[in-house]
């Protein structure tokens, strides 16, 4: 006996395309090794773009152009975006320079909890 399911709504089971917001959210798993705060709340992620093939380009900066921990952040980014995007590239941006004004309210709370005096 066959059951007719034609009256049931069709469910889209195809994977949803990755959005820039998905990438930004995943980047909250990337922690600045010196400060212990994620790069999004520190204001180090200036933007993200995801193309139709789920390849991402991130515009990021560092607290200092001389930061020796670029490789650590790139490795953490690779782990955070694994399974979310096919490939990614970080475009390191130095203008405008990073400053404390770029830190989110959540980031400020985290820094205060660590004992930093931040406005």
N, C-alpha and C. Protein backbone atom coordinates (compact mmCIF):
# COMPACT_ATOMS: atom_id res chain seq x y z
N UNK A 1 0.84 -1.17 0.00
CA UNK A 1 0.00 0.00 0.00
C UNK A 1 0.89 1.24 0.00
N UNK A 2 0.60 2.17 -0.85
CA UNK A 2 1.36 3.40 -0.97
C UNK A 2 0.59 4.55 -0.34
N UNK A 3 1.29 5.38 0.40
CA UNK A 3 0.66 6.53 1.02
C UNK A 3 0.94 7.76 0.18
N UNK A 4 -0.09 8.53 -0.09
CA UNK A 4 0.05 9.75 -0.89
C UNK A 4 0.37 10.91 0.05
N UNK A 5 1.53 11.52 -0.15
CA UNK A 5 1.95 12.65 0.68
C UNK A 5 1.89 13.96 -0.11
N UNK A 6 1.17 14.00 -1.19
CA UNK A 6 1.16 15.19 -2.03
C UNK A 6 0.54 16.40 -1.34
N UNK A 7 -0.24 16.16 -0.28
CA UNK A 7 -0.86 17.28 0.41
C UNK A 7 0.06 17.90 1.48
N UNK A 8 1.22 17.28 1.73
CA UNK A 8 2.15 17.80 2.73
C UNK A 8 3.01 18.90 2.10
N UNK A 9 3.35 19.92 2.88
CA UNK A 9 4.21 20.98 2.33
C UNK A 9 5.60 20.44 2.05
N UNK A 10 6.20 20.97 1.00
CA UNK A 10 7.56 20.58 0.64
C UNK A 10 8.55 21.29 1.57
N UNK A 11 9.50 20.55 2.07
CA UNK A 11 10.51 21.10 2.97
C UNK A 11 11.82 21.21 2.20
N UNK A 12 12.39 22.39 2.23
CA UNK A 12 13.67 22.62 1.56
C UNK A 12 14.78 22.07 2.45
N UNK A 13 15.42 21.00 1.99
CA UNK A 13 16.49 20.38 2.78
C UNK A 13 17.88 20.78 2.27
N UNK A 14 17.93 21.65 1.26
CA UNK A 14 19.23 22.07 0.77
C UNK A 14 19.90 22.97 1.80
N UNK A 15 21.22 22.91 1.88
CA UNK A 15 21.91 23.74 2.88
C UNK A 15 21.69 25.23 2.58
N UNK A 16 21.54 25.99 3.63
CA UNK A 16 21.36 27.43 3.47
C UNK A 16 22.71 28.04 3.10
N UNK A 17 22.69 29.03 2.20
CA UNK A 17 23.96 29.66 1.87
C UNK A 17 24.54 30.39 3.08
N UNK A 18 25.83 30.41 3.16
CA UNK A 18 26.50 31.10 4.25
C UNK A 18 26.42 32.60 4.02
N UNK A 19 26.11 33.34 5.07
CA UNK A 19 26.04 34.79 4.97
C UNK A 19 27.23 35.43 5.67
N UNK A 20 27.41 36.70 5.41
CA UNK A 20 28.46 37.45 6.11
C UNK A 20 28.22 37.43 7.61
N UNK A 21 26.94 37.50 8.01
CA UNK A 21 26.61 37.44 9.44
C UNK A 21 27.04 36.11 10.06
N UNK A 22 26.88 35.01 9.30
CA UNK A 22 27.33 33.69 9.79
C UNK A 22 28.84 33.70 10.04
N UNK A 23 29.57 34.31 9.12
CA UNK A 23 31.03 34.37 9.24
C UNK A 23 31.43 35.22 10.44
N UNK A 24 30.79 36.38 10.59
CA UNK A 24 31.10 37.26 11.73
C UNK A 24 30.80 36.53 13.05
N UNK A 25 29.67 35.84 13.10
CA UNK A 25 29.32 35.10 14.32
C UNK A 25 30.37 34.02 14.62
N UNK A 26 30.81 33.30 13.59
CA UNK A 26 31.83 32.26 13.79
C UNK A 26 33.15 32.86 14.25
N UNK A 27 33.43 34.07 13.82
CA UNK A 27 34.69 34.72 14.20
C UNK A 27 34.74 35.07 15.69
N UNK A 28 33.62 34.99 16.37
CA UNK A 28 33.62 35.21 17.82
C UNK A 28 34.37 34.09 18.55
N UNK A 29 34.67 33.00 17.83
CA UNK A 29 35.46 31.91 18.40
C UNK A 29 36.97 32.17 18.27
N UNK A 30 37.33 33.23 17.56
CA UNK A 30 38.74 33.57 17.38
C UNK A 30 39.12 34.58 18.46
N UNK A 31 40.05 34.19 19.31
CA UNK A 31 40.40 35.00 20.48
C UNK A 31 41.78 35.62 20.31
N UNK A 32 41.86 36.92 20.55
CA UNK A 32 43.15 37.60 20.53
C UNK A 32 44.03 36.98 21.62
N UNK A 33 45.17 36.39 21.25
CA UNK A 33 45.99 35.67 22.22
C UNK A 33 46.55 36.55 23.34
N UNK A 34 46.71 37.83 23.08
CA UNK A 34 47.27 38.72 24.11
C UNK A 34 46.22 39.19 25.10
N UNK A 35 45.02 39.47 24.61
CA UNK A 35 43.99 40.05 25.47
C UNK A 35 42.95 39.05 25.96
N UNK A 36 42.82 37.92 25.26
CA UNK A 36 41.85 36.91 25.67
C UNK A 36 40.41 37.27 25.36
N UNK A 37 40.20 38.20 24.44
CA UNK A 37 38.86 38.63 24.01
C UNK A 37 38.73 38.30 22.53
N UNK A 38 37.53 37.93 22.09
CA UNK A 38 37.36 37.56 20.69
C UNK A 38 37.57 38.77 19.77
N UNK A 39 37.99 38.47 18.55
CA UNK A 39 38.37 39.52 17.60
C UNK A 39 37.19 40.37 17.14
N UNK A 40 35.98 39.83 17.21
CA UNK A 40 34.80 40.60 16.81
C UNK A 40 34.53 41.69 17.85
N UNK A 41 34.47 41.30 19.12
CA UNK A 41 34.18 42.27 20.17
C UNK A 41 35.34 43.24 20.40
N UNK A 42 36.54 42.86 20.01
CA UNK A 42 37.66 43.81 20.07
C UNK A 42 37.60 44.82 18.93
N UNK A 43 36.75 44.56 17.94
CA UNK A 43 36.64 45.47 16.81
C UNK A 43 37.71 45.26 15.76
N UNK A 44 38.30 44.07 15.75
CA UNK A 44 39.36 43.78 14.78
C UNK A 44 38.82 43.31 13.44
N UNK A 45 37.56 42.90 13.39
CA UNK A 45 36.94 42.47 12.14
C UNK A 45 36.18 43.67 11.57
N UNK A 46 36.69 44.21 10.48
CA UNK A 46 36.07 45.38 9.86
C UNK A 46 34.93 45.00 8.93
N UNK A 47 34.96 43.78 8.40
CA UNK A 47 33.89 43.36 7.51
C UNK A 47 34.15 41.97 6.97
N UNK A 48 33.11 41.41 6.35
CA UNK A 48 33.22 40.08 5.73
C UNK A 48 32.32 40.04 4.52
N UNK A 49 32.77 39.36 3.50
CA UNK A 49 31.97 39.15 2.29
C UNK A 49 32.03 37.67 1.94
N UNK A 50 30.88 37.11 1.62
CA UNK A 50 30.81 35.71 1.21
C UNK A 50 30.21 35.68 -0.19
N UNK A 51 30.90 35.01 -1.13
CA UNK A 51 30.37 34.93 -2.49
C UNK A 51 29.40 33.76 -2.63
N UNK A 52 28.89 33.57 -3.84
CA UNK A 52 27.89 32.52 -4.10
C UNK A 52 28.44 31.11 -3.93
N UNK A 53 29.75 30.97 -3.85
CA UNK A 53 30.38 29.66 -3.69
C UNK A 53 30.84 29.43 -2.25
N UNK A 54 30.35 30.25 -1.34
CA UNK A 54 30.72 30.18 0.09
C UNK A 54 32.21 30.37 0.33
N UNK A 55 32.81 31.25 -0.46
CA UNK A 55 34.19 31.67 -0.22
C UNK A 55 34.12 33.02 0.47
N UNK A 56 34.87 33.18 1.54
CA UNK A 56 34.79 34.40 2.34
C UNK A 56 36.07 35.23 2.24
N UNK A 57 35.87 36.53 2.25
CA UNK A 57 36.97 37.48 2.37
C UNK A 57 36.67 38.32 3.60
N UNK A 58 37.61 38.32 4.53
CA UNK A 58 37.46 39.11 5.76
C UNK A 58 38.40 40.30 5.71
N UNK A 59 37.89 41.45 6.12
CA UNK A 59 38.73 42.62 6.30
C UNK A 59 38.98 42.72 7.80
N UNK A 60 40.23 42.56 8.17
CA UNK A 60 40.60 42.57 9.59
C UNK A 60 41.81 43.46 9.81
N UNK A 61 41.96 43.87 11.05
CA UNK A 61 43.15 44.59 11.45
C UNK A 61 43.67 43.96 12.73
N UNK A 62 44.75 44.48 13.22
CA UNK A 62 45.32 44.03 14.49
C UNK A 62 45.51 45.25 15.38
N UNK A 63 45.69 45.01 16.66
CA UNK A 63 45.89 46.13 17.57
C UNK A 63 47.19 46.87 17.25
N UNK A 64 48.10 46.18 16.57
CA UNK A 64 49.38 46.78 16.17
C UNK A 64 49.83 46.12 14.88
N UNK A 65 50.33 46.92 13.95
CA UNK A 65 50.83 46.37 12.68
C UNK A 65 52.01 45.44 12.92
N UNK A 66 52.68 45.60 14.05
CA UNK A 66 53.84 44.76 14.37
C UNK A 66 53.45 43.53 15.18
N UNK A 67 52.16 43.24 15.27
CA UNK A 67 51.69 42.10 16.07
C UNK A 67 52.34 40.81 15.56
N UNK A 68 53.02 40.07 16.44
CA UNK A 68 53.69 38.85 16.02
C UNK A 68 52.76 37.63 15.97
N UNK A 69 51.48 37.82 16.29
CA UNK A 69 50.58 36.68 16.44
C UNK A 69 49.61 36.51 15.27
N UNK A 70 49.95 37.08 14.12
CA UNK A 70 49.10 36.96 12.94
C UNK A 70 48.82 35.50 12.60
N UNK A 71 49.84 34.65 12.66
CA UNK A 71 49.67 33.24 12.32
C UNK A 71 48.68 32.56 13.26
N UNK A 72 48.72 32.91 14.54
CA UNK A 72 47.79 32.32 15.52
C UNK A 72 46.36 32.70 15.16
N UNK A 73 46.14 33.96 14.83
CA UNK A 73 44.79 34.42 14.47
C UNK A 73 44.33 33.75 13.18
N UNK A 74 45.23 33.60 12.20
CA UNK A 74 44.87 32.92 10.96
C UNK A 74 44.51 31.46 11.22
N UNK A 75 45.26 30.78 12.07
CA UNK A 75 44.96 29.38 12.40
C UNK A 75 43.62 29.26 13.12
N UNK A 76 43.35 30.16 14.06
CA UNK A 76 42.06 30.14 14.75
C UNK A 76 40.91 30.43 13.78
N UNK A 77 41.15 31.34 12.84
CA UNK A 77 40.13 31.66 11.84
C UNK A 77 39.83 30.44 10.99
N UNK A 78 40.87 29.73 10.58
CA UNK A 78 40.69 28.51 9.79
C UNK A 78 39.81 27.52 10.55
N UNK A 79 40.07 27.33 11.83
CA UNK A 79 39.28 26.40 12.65
C UNK A 79 37.85 26.90 12.83
N UNK A 80 37.68 28.20 13.04
CA UNK A 80 36.34 28.77 13.27
C UNK A 80 35.46 28.68 12.03
N UNK A 81 36.06 28.81 10.85
CA UNK A 81 35.28 28.83 9.61
C UNK A 81 35.19 27.47 8.94
N UNK A 82 35.86 26.47 9.50
CA UNK A 82 35.82 25.12 8.94
C UNK A 82 34.38 24.61 8.92
N UNK A 83 33.91 24.21 7.76
CA UNK A 83 32.54 23.71 7.63
C UNK A 83 31.52 24.81 7.40
N UNK A 84 31.95 26.07 7.50
CA UNK A 84 31.03 27.19 7.28
C UNK A 84 31.26 27.80 5.90
N UNK A 85 32.54 27.92 5.52
CA UNK A 85 32.88 28.42 4.19
C UNK A 85 33.80 27.41 3.51
N UNK A 86 33.84 27.48 2.17
CA UNK A 86 34.75 26.61 1.43
C UNK A 86 36.19 27.06 1.61
N UNK A 87 36.42 28.34 1.37
CA UNK A 87 37.74 28.93 1.50
C UNK A 87 37.59 30.31 2.11
N UNK A 88 38.68 30.82 2.68
CA UNK A 88 38.64 32.18 3.18
C UNK A 88 39.98 32.86 2.92
N UNK A 89 39.92 34.17 2.92
CA UNK A 89 41.13 34.98 2.80
C UNK A 89 40.97 36.15 3.77
N UNK A 90 42.03 36.48 4.45
CA UNK A 90 42.02 37.67 5.31
C UNK A 90 42.78 38.77 4.59
N UNK A 91 42.10 39.89 4.38
CA UNK A 91 42.77 41.09 3.88
C UNK A 91 43.08 41.94 5.11
N UNK A 92 44.35 42.07 5.44
CA UNK A 92 44.75 42.86 6.60
C UNK A 92 44.66 44.34 6.23
N UNK A 93 43.92 45.07 7.02
CA UNK A 93 43.63 46.48 6.76
C UNK A 93 44.29 47.32 7.85
N UNK A 94 44.97 48.37 7.44
CA UNK A 94 45.65 49.22 8.44
C UNK A 94 45.05 50.62 8.52
N UNK A 95 44.18 50.94 7.58
CA UNK A 95 43.50 52.24 7.61
C UNK A 95 42.00 51.99 7.51
N UNK A 96 41.19 52.46 8.40
CA UNK A 96 41.61 53.25 9.55
C UNK A 96 42.28 52.36 10.58
N UNK A 97 43.20 52.93 11.34
CA UNK A 97 43.88 52.13 12.35
C UNK A 97 42.93 51.73 13.46
N UNK A 98 43.22 50.59 14.08
CA UNK A 98 42.41 50.13 15.20
C UNK A 98 42.62 51.07 16.38
N UNK A 99 41.57 51.25 17.15
CA UNK A 99 41.64 52.02 18.39
C UNK A 99 40.57 51.52 19.33
N UNK A 100 40.64 51.89 20.59
CA UNK A 100 39.66 51.43 21.58
C UNK A 100 38.22 51.78 21.22
N UNK A 101 38.03 52.79 20.37
CA UNK A 101 36.67 53.16 19.95
C UNK A 101 36.00 52.06 19.14
N UNK A 102 36.77 51.12 18.62
CA UNK A 102 36.21 50.03 17.80
C UNK A 102 35.70 48.86 18.65
N UNK A 103 36.01 48.85 19.94
CA UNK A 103 35.60 47.75 20.82
C UNK A 103 34.10 47.84 21.07
N UNK A 104 33.41 46.71 20.96
CA UNK A 104 31.96 46.68 21.20
C UNK A 104 31.69 46.82 22.70
N UNK A 105 30.42 47.07 23.02
CA UNK A 105 30.03 47.15 24.44
C UNK A 105 30.35 45.84 25.16
N UNK A 106 30.07 44.70 24.49
CA UNK A 106 30.40 43.40 25.10
C UNK A 106 31.90 43.27 25.34
N UNK A 107 32.69 43.72 24.37
CA UNK A 107 34.14 43.67 24.51
C UNK A 107 34.62 44.53 25.66
N UNK A 108 34.00 45.69 25.83
CA UNK A 108 34.36 46.57 26.95
C UNK A 108 34.07 45.90 28.29
N UNK A 109 32.92 45.23 28.36
CA UNK A 109 32.57 44.52 29.59
C UNK A 109 33.58 43.42 29.89
N UNK A 110 33.98 42.68 28.86
CA UNK A 110 34.95 41.60 29.05
C UNK A 110 36.30 42.15 29.51
N UNK A 111 36.72 43.26 28.91
CA UNK A 111 38.00 43.86 29.30
C UNK A 111 37.95 44.38 30.73
N UNK A 112 36.83 45.00 31.11
CA UNK A 112 36.68 45.47 32.49
C UNK A 112 36.76 44.30 33.46
N UNK A 113 36.13 43.18 33.08
CA UNK A 113 36.15 41.99 33.94
C UNK A 113 37.57 41.46 34.13
N UNK A 114 38.43 41.72 33.14
CA UNK A 114 39.83 41.31 33.23
C UNK A 114 40.70 42.34 33.94
N UNK A 115 40.08 43.45 34.35
CA UNK A 115 40.82 44.46 35.09
C UNK A 115 41.32 45.63 34.28
N UNK A 116 40.96 45.68 32.99
CA UNK A 116 41.38 46.82 32.16
C UNK A 116 40.48 48.01 32.46
N UNK A 117 41.05 49.19 32.48
CA UNK A 117 40.28 50.41 32.68
C UNK A 117 39.99 50.99 31.30
N UNK A 118 38.79 50.77 30.83
CA UNK A 118 38.43 51.21 29.49
C UNK A 118 37.12 51.99 29.56
N UNK A 119 37.07 53.10 28.85
CA UNK A 119 35.89 53.97 28.89
C UNK A 119 34.71 53.43 28.16
